[in-house]
Structures are given as structure tokens and as C-alpha cells.
PDB file of all heavy atoms in Angstrom:
ATOM      1  N   GLU A   1       0.832  -1.204   0.000  1.00  0.00           N
ATOM      2  CA  GLU A   1       0.000   0.000   0.000  1.00  0.00           C
ATOM      3  C   GLU A   1       0.868   1.256   0.000  1.00  0.00           C
ATOM      4  O   GLU A   1       0.577   2.227  -0.723  1.00  0.00           O
ATOM      5  CB  GLU A   1      -0.915  -0.006   1.221  1.00  0.00           C
ATOM      6  CG  GLU A   1      -1.983  -1.092   1.183  1.00  0.00           C
ATOM      7  CD  GLU A   1      -2.694  -1.253   2.508  1.00  0.00           C
ATOM      8  OE1 GLU A   1      -2.310  -0.553   3.474  1.00  0.00           O
ATOM      9  OE2 GLU A   1      -3.633  -2.074   2.589  1.00  0.00           O
ATOM     10  N   PHE A   2       1.926   1.253   0.806  1.00  0.00           N
ATOM     11  CA  PHE A   2       2.801   2.431   0.890  1.00  0.00           C
ATOM     12  C   PHE A   2       3.515   2.685  -0.429  1.00  0.00           C
ATOM     13  O   PHE A   2       3.535   3.820  -0.932  1.00  0.00           O
ATOM     14  CB  PHE A   2       3.823   2.235   2.013  1.00  0.00           C
ATOM     15  CG  PHE A   2       4.866   3.315   2.062  1.00  0.00           C
ATOM     16  CD1 PHE A   2       4.580   4.538   2.647  1.00  0.00           C
ATOM     17  CD2 PHE A   2       6.133   3.115   1.515  1.00  0.00           C
ATOM     18  CE1 PHE A   2       5.540   5.550   2.677  1.00  0.00           C
ATOM     19  CE2 PHE A   2       7.092   4.116   1.551  1.00  0.00           C
ATOM     20  CZ  PHE A   2       6.792   5.330   2.139  1.00  0.00           C
ATOM     21  N   GLU A   3       4.137   1.665  -0.992  1.00  0.00           N
ATOM     22  CA  GLU A   3       4.896   1.841  -2.232  1.00  0.00           C
ATOM     23  C   GLU A   3       3.991   2.209  -3.402  1.00  0.00           C
ATOM     24  O   GLU A   3       4.402   2.944  -4.312  1.00  0.00           O
ATOM     25  CB  GLU A   3       5.700   0.573  -2.533  1.00  0.00           C
ATOM     26  CG  GLU A   3       6.822   0.341  -1.521  1.00  0.00           C
ATOM     27  CD  GLU A   3       7.673  -0.880  -1.834  1.00  0.00           C
ATOM     28  OE1 GLU A   3       7.230  -1.720  -2.652  1.00  0.00           O
ATOM     29  OE2 GLU A   3       8.772  -1.002  -1.255  1.00  0.00           O
ATOM     30  N   ALA A   4       2.757   1.722  -3.397  1.00  0.00           N
ATOM     31  CA  ALA A   4       1.805   2.081  -4.455  1.00  0.00           C
ATOM     32  C   ALA A   4       1.399   3.555  -4.358  1.00  0.00           C
ATOM     33  O   ALA A   4       1.186   4.226  -5.376  1.00  0.00           O
ATOM     34  CB  ALA A   4       0.576   1.188  -4.380  1.00  0.00           C
ATOM     35  N   GLU A   5       1.314   4.070  -3.129  1.00  0.00           N
ATOM     36  CA  GLU A   5       0.885   5.456  -2.938  1.00  0.00           C
ATOM     37  C   GLU A   5       2.009   6.458  -3.151  1.00  0.00           C
ATOM     38  O   GLU A   5       1.809   7.506  -3.783  1.00  0.00           O
ATOM     39  CB  GLU A   5       0.312   5.628  -1.525  1.00  0.00           C
ATOM     40  CG  GLU A   5      -0.178   7.033  -1.236  1.00  0.00           C
ATOM     41  CD  GLU A   5      -0.758   7.189   0.168  1.00  0.00           C
ATOM     42  OE1 GLU A   5      -0.876   6.163   0.883  1.00  0.00           O
ATOM     43  OE2 GLU A   5      -1.085   8.333   0.544  1.00  0.00           O
ATOM     44  N   PHE A   6       3.215   6.147  -2.646  1.00  0.00           N
ATOM     45  CA  PHE A   6       4.299   7.130  -2.656  1.00  0.00           C
ATOM     46  C   PHE A   6       5.372   6.854  -3.704  1.00  0.00           C
ATOM     47  O   PHE A   6       6.215   7.713  -3.970  1.00  0.00           O
ATOM     48  CB  PHE A   6       4.940   7.211  -1.267  1.00  0.00           C
ATOM     49  CG  PHE A   6       4.034   7.792  -0.225  1.00  0.00           C
ATOM     50  CD1 PHE A   6       3.270   6.963   0.586  1.00  0.00           C
ATOM     51  CD2 PHE A   6       3.918   9.158  -0.057  1.00  0.00           C
ATOM     52  CE1 PHE A   6       2.424   7.484   1.553  1.00  0.00           C
ATOM     53  CE2 PHE A   6       3.074   9.693   0.913  1.00  0.00           C
ATOM     54  CZ  PHE A   6       2.321   8.851   1.716  1.00  0.00           C
ATOM     55  N   HIS A   7       5.395   5.640  -4.251  1.00  0.00           N
ATOM     56  CA  HIS A   7       6.375   5.265  -5.301  1.00  0.00           C
ATOM     57  C   HIS A   7       7.821   5.446  -4.828  1.00  0.00           C
ATOM     58  O   HIS A   7       8.691   5.896  -5.576  1.00  0.00           O
ATOM     59  CB  HIS A   7       6.138   6.085  -6.585  1.00  0.00           C
ATOM     60  CG  HIS A   7       4.735   5.962  -7.094  1.00  0.00           C
ATOM     61  ND1 HIS A   7       4.260   4.829  -7.706  1.00  0.00           N
ATOM     62  CD2 HIS A   7       3.683   6.847  -7.060  1.00  0.00           C
ATOM     63  CE1 HIS A   7       2.994   5.000  -8.047  1.00  0.00           C
ATOM     64  NE2 HIS A   7       2.613   6.212  -7.661  1.00  0.00           N
ATOM     65  N   ILE A   8       8.056   5.136  -3.571  1.00  0.00           N
ATOM     66  CA  ILE A   8       9.411   5.126  -3.016  1.00  0.00           C
ATOM     67  C   ILE A   8       9.588   3.836  -2.232  1.00  0.00           C
ATOM     68  O   ILE A   8       8.618   3.165  -1.883  1.00  0.00           O
ATOM     69  CB  ILE A   8       9.698   6.354  -2.113  1.00  0.00           C
ATOM     70  CG1 ILE A   8       8.618   6.474  -1.020  1.00  0.00           C
ATOM     71  CG2 ILE A   8       9.797   7.619  -2.922  1.00  0.00           C
ATOM     72  CD1 ILE A   8       8.856   7.632  -0.069  1.00  0.00           C
ATOM     73  N   ARG A   9      10.838   3.494  -1.948  1.00  0.00           N
ATOM     74  CA  ARG A   9      11.124   2.234  -1.262  1.00  0.00           C
ATOM     75  C   ARG A   9      10.589   2.248   0.166  1.00  0.00           C
ATOM     76  O   ARG A   9      10.643   3.257   0.869  1.00  0.00           O
ATOM     77  CB  ARG A   9      12.628   1.981  -1.262  1.00  0.00           C
ATOM     78  CG  ARG A   9      13.192   1.647  -2.626  1.00  0.00           C
ATOM     79  CD  ARG A   9      14.677   1.386  -2.540  1.00  0.00           C
ATOM     80  NE  ARG A   9      15.005   0.375  -1.535  1.00  0.00           N
ATOM     81  CZ  ARG A   9      16.230  -0.083  -1.326  1.00  0.00           C
ATOM     82  NH1 ARG A   9      17.236   0.375  -2.053  1.00  0.00           N
ATOM     83  NH2 ARG A   9      16.453  -0.991  -0.394  1.00  0.00           N
ATOM     84  N   TYR A  10      10.126   1.093   0.572  1.00  0.00           N
ATOM     85  CA  TYR A  10       9.504   0.929   1.887  1.00  0.00           C
ATOM     86  C   TYR A  10      10.474   1.221   3.021  1.00  0.00           C
ATOM     87  O   TYR A  10      10.104   1.827   4.031  1.00  0.00           O
ATOM     88  CB  TYR A  10       8.961  -0.498   1.995  1.00  0.00           C
ATOM     89  CG  TYR A  10       8.135  -0.790   3.214  1.00  0.00           C
ATOM     90  CD1 TYR A  10       6.964  -0.071   3.472  1.00  0.00           C
ATOM     91  CD2 TYR A  10       8.489  -1.814   4.093  1.00  0.00           C
ATOM     92  CE1 TYR A  10       6.180  -0.367   4.587  1.00  0.00           C
ATOM     93  CE2 TYR A  10       7.701  -2.107   5.196  1.00  0.00           C
ATOM     94  CZ  TYR A  10       6.553  -1.375   5.437  1.00  0.00           C
ATOM     95  OH  TYR A  10       5.775  -1.672   6.537  1.00  0.00           O
ATOM     96  N   ASP A  11      11.733   0.801   2.877  1.00  0.00           N
ATOM     97  CA  ASP A  11      12.682   0.935   3.988  1.00  0.00           C
ATOM     98  C   ASP A  11      13.110   2.376   4.254  1.00  0.00           C
ATOM     99  O   ASP A  11      13.835   2.641   5.210  1.00  0.00           O
ATOM    100  CB  ASP A  11      13.915   0.049   3.772  1.00  0.00           C
ATOM    101  CG  ASP A  11      14.596   0.291   2.438  1.00  0.00           C
ATOM    102  OD1 ASP A  11      14.241   1.270   1.749  1.00  0.00           O
ATOM    103  OD2 ASP A  11      15.480  -0.508   2.070  1.00  0.00           O
ATOM    104  N   VAL A  12      12.648   3.326   3.411  1.00  0.00           N
ATOM    105  CA  VAL A  12      12.943   4.735   3.704  1.00  0.00           C
ATOM    106  C   VAL A  12      12.258   5.157   4.998  1.00  0.00           C
ATOM    107  O   VAL A  12      12.682   6.107   5.669  1.00  0.00           O
ATOM    108  CB  VAL A  12      12.490   5.639   2.527  1.00  0.00           C
ATOM    109  CG1 VAL A  12      10.966   5.786   2.492  1.00  0.00           C
ATOM    110  CG2 VAL A  12      13.144   7.016   2.610  1.00  0.00           C
ATOM    111  N   LEU A  13      11.218   4.433   5.389  1.00  0.00           N
ATOM    112  CA  LEU A  13      10.487   4.762   6.622  1.00  0.00           C
ATOM    113  C   LEU A  13      11.336   4.553   7.864  1.00  0.00           C
ATOM    114  O   LEU A  13      11.047   5.118   8.920  1.00  0.00           O
ATOM    115  CB  LEU A  13       9.216   3.917   6.709  1.00  0.00           C
ATOM    116  CG  LEU A  13       8.145   4.218   5.655  1.00  0.00           C
ATOM    117  CD1 LEU A  13       7.034   3.179   5.701  1.00  0.00           C
ATOM    118  CD2 LEU A  13       7.580   5.619   5.837  1.00  0.00           C
ATOM    119  N   ALA A  14      12.365   3.739   7.757  1.00  0.00           N
ATOM    120  CA  ALA A  14      13.247   3.506   8.903  1.00  0.00           C
ATOM    121  C   ALA A  14      14.017   4.767   9.285  1.00  0.00           C
ATOM    122  O   ALA A  14      14.509   4.883  10.417  1.00  0.00           O
ATOM    123  CB  ALA A  14      14.217   2.368   8.595  1.00  0.00           C
ATOM    124  N   GLN A  15      14.115   5.710   8.352  1.00  0.00           N
ATOM    125  CA  GLN A  15      14.887   6.934   8.601  1.00  0.00           C
ATOM    126  C   GLN A  15      14.101   7.965   9.412  1.00  0.00           C
ATOM    127  O   GLN A  15      14.681   8.920   9.915  1.00  0.00           O
ATOM    128  CB  GLN A  15      15.321   7.541   7.264  1.00  0.00           C
ATOM    129  CG  GLN A  15      16.182   6.616   6.412  1.00  0.00           C
ATOM    130  CD  GLN A  15      16.440   7.167   5.029  1.00  0.00           C
ATOM    131  OE1 GLN A  15      16.182   8.339   4.754  1.00  0.00           O
ATOM    132  NE2 GLN A  15      16.952   6.329   4.133  1.00  0.00           N
ATOM    133  N   TYR A  16      12.801   7.784   9.513  1.00  0.00           N
ATOM    134  CA  TYR A  16      11.984   8.751  10.248  1.00  0.00           C
ATOM    135  C   TYR A  16      12.100   8.508  11.750  1.00  0.00           C
ATOM    136  O   TYR A  16      11.969   7.389  12.220  1.00  0.00           O
ATOM    137  CB  TYR A  16      10.520   8.663   9.804  1.00  0.00           C
ATOM    138  CG  TYR A  16      10.227   9.554   8.619  1.00  0.00           C
ATOM    139  CD1 TYR A  16      10.654   9.203   7.347  1.00  0.00           C
ATOM    140  CD2 TYR A  16       9.553  10.764   8.777  1.00  0.00           C
ATOM    141  CE1 TYR A  16      10.417  10.016   6.267  1.00  0.00           C
ATOM    142  CE2 TYR A  16       9.308  11.595   7.693  1.00  0.00           C
ATOM    143  CZ  TYR A  16       9.741  11.218   6.444  1.00  0.00           C
ATOM    144  OH  TYR A  16       9.515  12.040   5.360  1.00  0.00           O
ATOM    145  N   ASN A  17      12.325   9.578  12.465  1.00  0.00           N
ATOM    146  CA  ASN A  17      12.494   9.489  13.912  1.00  0.00           C
ATOM    147  C   ASN A  17      11.138   9.642  14.603  1.00  0.00           C
ATOM    148  O   ASN A  17      10.479  10.676  14.478  1.00  0.00           O
ATOM    149  CB  ASN A  17      13.453  10.584  14.396  1.00  0.00           C
ATOM    150  CG  ASN A  17      13.673  10.524  15.893  1.00  0.00           C
ATOM    151  OD1 ASN A  17      13.690   9.435  16.481  1.00  0.00           O
ATOM    152  ND2 ASN A  17      13.823  11.670  16.525  1.00  0.00           N
ATOM    153  N   ILE A  18      10.732   8.587  15.305  1.00  0.00           N
ATOM    154  CA  ILE A  18       9.475   8.622  16.054  1.00  0.00           C
ATOM    155  C   ILE A  18       9.809   8.711  17.541  1.00  0.00           C
ATOM    156  O   ILE A  18      10.378   7.769  18.108  1.00  0.00           O
ATOM    157  CB  ILE A  18       8.634   7.356  15.789  1.00  0.00           C
ATOM    158  CG1 ILE A  18       8.444   7.139  14.292  1.00  0.00           C
ATOM    159  CG2 ILE A  18       7.290   7.447  16.504  1.00  0.00           C
ATOM    160  CD1 ILE A  18       7.650   8.216  13.600  1.00  0.00           C
ATOM    161  N   PRO A  19       9.487   9.820  18.191  1.00  0.00           N
ATOM    162  CA  PRO A  19       9.771   9.922  19.629  1.00  0.00           C
ATOM    163  C   PRO A  19       8.983   8.896  20.436  1.00  0.00           C
ATOM    164  O   PRO A  19       7.875   8.521  20.074  1.00  0.00           O
ATOM    165  CB  PRO A  19       9.315  11.353  19.983  1.00  0.00           C
ATOM    166  CG  PRO A  19       9.183  12.072  18.675  1.00  0.00           C
ATOM    167  CD  PRO A  19       8.847  11.037  17.658  1.00  0.00           C
ATOM    168  N   SER A  20       9.561   8.454  21.515  1.00  0.00           N
ATOM    169  CA  SER A  20       8.893   7.577  22.487  1.00  0.00           C
ATOM    170  C   SER A  20       8.508   6.211  21.944  1.00  0.00           C
ATOM    171  O   SER A  20       7.539   5.596  22.411  1.00  0.00           O
ATOM    172  CB  SER A  20       7.628   8.265  23.046  1.00  0.00           C
ATOM    173  OG  SER A  20       7.944   9.518  23.581  1.00  0.00           O
ATOM    174  N   LEU A  21       9.235   5.718  20.945  1.00  0.00           N
ATOM    175  CA  LEU A  21       8.986   4.351  20.501  1.00  0.00           C
ATOM    176  C   LEU A  21       9.369   3.371  21.607  1.00  0.00           C
ATOM    177  O   LEU A  21      10.339   3.593  22.333  1.00  0.00           O
ATOM    178  CB  LEU A  21       9.813   4.029  19.254  1.00  0.00           C
ATOM    179  CG  LEU A  21       9.266   4.446  17.885  1.00  0.00           C
ATOM    180  CD1 LEU A  21      10.259   4.054  16.796  1.00  0.00           C
ATOM    181  CD2 LEU A  21       7.915   3.822  17.603  1.00  0.00           C
ATOM    182  N   PRO A  22       8.643   2.264  21.744  1.00  0.00           N
ATOM    183  CA  PRO A  22       9.024   1.266  22.750  1.00  0.00           C
ATOM    184  C   PRO A  22      10.388   0.657  22.436  1.00  0.00           C
ATOM    185  O   PRO A  22      10.811   0.622  21.264  1.00  0.00           O
ATOM    186  CB  PRO A  22       7.930   0.195  22.626  1.00  0.00           C
ATOM    187  CG  PRO A  22       6.808   0.854  21.914  1.00  0.00           C
ATOM    188  CD  PRO A  22       7.416   1.896  21.031  1.00  0.00           C
ATOM    189  N   ALA A  23      11.061   0.204  23.469  1.00  0.00           N
ATOM    190  CA  ALA A  23      12.346  -0.475  23.264  1.00  0.00           C
ATOM    191  C   ALA A  23      12.110  -1.765  22.486  1.00  0.00           C
ATOM    192  O   ALA A  23      11.067  -2.402  22.616  1.00  0.00           O
ATOM    193  CB  ALA A  23      12.988  -0.779  24.611  1.00  0.00           C
ATOM    194  N   ASP A  24      13.083  -2.134  21.654  1.00  0.00           N
ATOM    195  CA  ASP A  24      12.923  -3.321  20.813  1.00  0.00           C
ATOM    196  C   ASP A  24      13.216  -4.607  21.593  1.00  0.00           C
ATOM    197  O   ASP A  24      13.589  -4.575  22.757  1.00  0.00           O
ATOM    198  CB  ASP A  24      13.816  -3.237  19.580  1.00  0.00           C
ATOM    199  CG  ASP A  24      15.297  -3.132  19.942  1.00  0.00           C
ATOM    200  OD1 ASP A  24      15.612  -3.175  21.151  1.00  0.00           O
ATOM    201  OD2 ASP A  24      16.138  -3.016  19.032  1.00  0.00           O
ATOM    202  N   CYS A  25      13.020  -5.735  20.910  1.00  0.00           N
ATOM    203  CA  CYS A  25      13.292  -7.054  21.505  1.00  0.00           C
ATOM    204  C   CYS A  25      14.614  -7.571  20.944  1.00  0.00           C
ATOM    205  O   CYS A  25      14.665  -7.982  19.784  1.00  0.00           O
ATOM    206  CB  CYS A  25      12.175  -8.039  21.177  1.00  0.00           C
ATOM    207  SG  CYS A  25      10.656  -7.776  22.094  1.00  0.00           S
ATOM    208  N   PRO A  26      15.680  -7.564  21.709  1.00  0.00           N
ATOM    209  CA  PRO A  26      16.968  -8.046  21.198  1.00  0.00           C
ATOM    210  C   PRO A  26      16.940  -9.550  20.977  1.00  0.00           C
ATOM    211  O   PRO A  26      16.218 -10.281  21.653  1.00  0.00           O
ATOM    212  CB  PRO A  26      17.958  -7.664  22.300  1.00  0.00           C
ATOM    213  CG  PRO A  26      17.126  -7.578  23.533  1.00  0.00           C
ATOM    214  CD  PRO A  26      15.766  -7.126  23.113  1.00  0.00           C
ATOM    215  N   SER A  27      17.744 -10.011  20.025  1.00  0.00           N
ATOM    216  CA  SER A  27      17.753 -11.439  19.683  1.00  0.00           C
ATOM    217  C   SER A  27      18.637 -12.264  20.621  1.00  0.00           C
ATOM    218  O   SER A  27      18.609 -13.489  20.570  1.00  0.00           O
ATOM    219  CB  SER A  27      18.239 -11.626  18.242  1.00  0.00           C
ATOM    220  OG  SER A  27      19.542 -11.082  18.087  1.00  0.00           O
ATOM    221  N   SER A  28      19.436 -11.597  21.464  1.00  0.00           N
ATOM    222  CA  SER A  28      20.321 -12.341  22.369  1.00  0.00           C
ATOM    223  C   SER A  28      20.440 -11.591  23.695  1.00  0.00           C
ATOM    224  O   SER A  28      20.012 -10.444  23.824  1.00  0.00           O
ATOM    225  CB  SER A  28      21.709 -12.524  21.735  1.00  0.00           C
ATOM    226  OG  SER A  28      22.284 -11.265  21.434  1.00  0.00           O
ATOM    227  N   ASN A  29      21.042 -12.290  24.681  1.00  0.00           N
ATOM    228  CA  ASN A  29      21.315 -11.716  26.005  1.00  0.00           C
ATOM    229  C   ASN A  29      20.057 -11.296  26.756  1.00  0.00           C
ATOM    230  O   ASN A  29      20.115 -10.438  27.631  1.00  0.00           O
ATOM    231  CB  ASN A  29      22.263 -10.512  25.889  1.00  0.00           C
ATOM    232  CG  ASN A  29      23.586 -10.877  25.262  1.00  0.00           C
ATOM    233  OD1 ASN A  29      24.088 -11.978  25.459  1.00  0.00           O
ATOM    234  ND2 ASN A  29      24.153  -9.966  24.489  1.00  0.00           N
ATOM    235  N   PHE A  30      18.928 -11.874  26.400  1.00  0.00           N
ATOM    236  CA  PHE A  30      17.687 -11.586  27.092  1.00  0.00           C
ATOM    237  C   PHE A  30      17.033 -12.903  27.472  1.00  0.00           C
ATOM    238  O   PHE A  30      16.981 -13.827  26.658  1.00  0.00           O
ATOM    239  CB  PHE A  30      16.742 -10.767  26.196  1.00  0.00           C
ATOM    240  CG  PHE A  30      16.581  -9.329  26.608  1.00  0.00           C
ATOM    241  CD1 PHE A  30      17.688  -8.536  26.795  1.00  0.00           C
ATOM    242  CD2 PHE A  30      15.329  -8.770  26.795  1.00  0.00           C
ATOM    243  CE1 PHE A  30      17.561  -7.205  27.167  1.00  0.00           C
ATOM    244  CE2 PHE A  30      15.181  -7.447  27.167  1.00  0.00           C
ATOM    245  CZ  PHE A  30      16.306  -6.651  27.358  1.00  0.00           C
TER     246      PHE A  30
END
């Protein structure tokens, strides 16, 4: 849906800074 609407790559969204995002789930040491 995103790529059809904006005609840009999906992973560009990773560059946007969202304040107060929850901490992620690490794959190790947890």
C-alpha cells in the first residue's frame, strides 16, 4: 500500500524518527 501510494522504497520509513517508541526485543542476552 505504501509503495503504491508514494512510489518510493519501503525501507525509507526507517529513517523517520518517532519519539517515544518502545524499546525493541533483542535477539540475544535476554
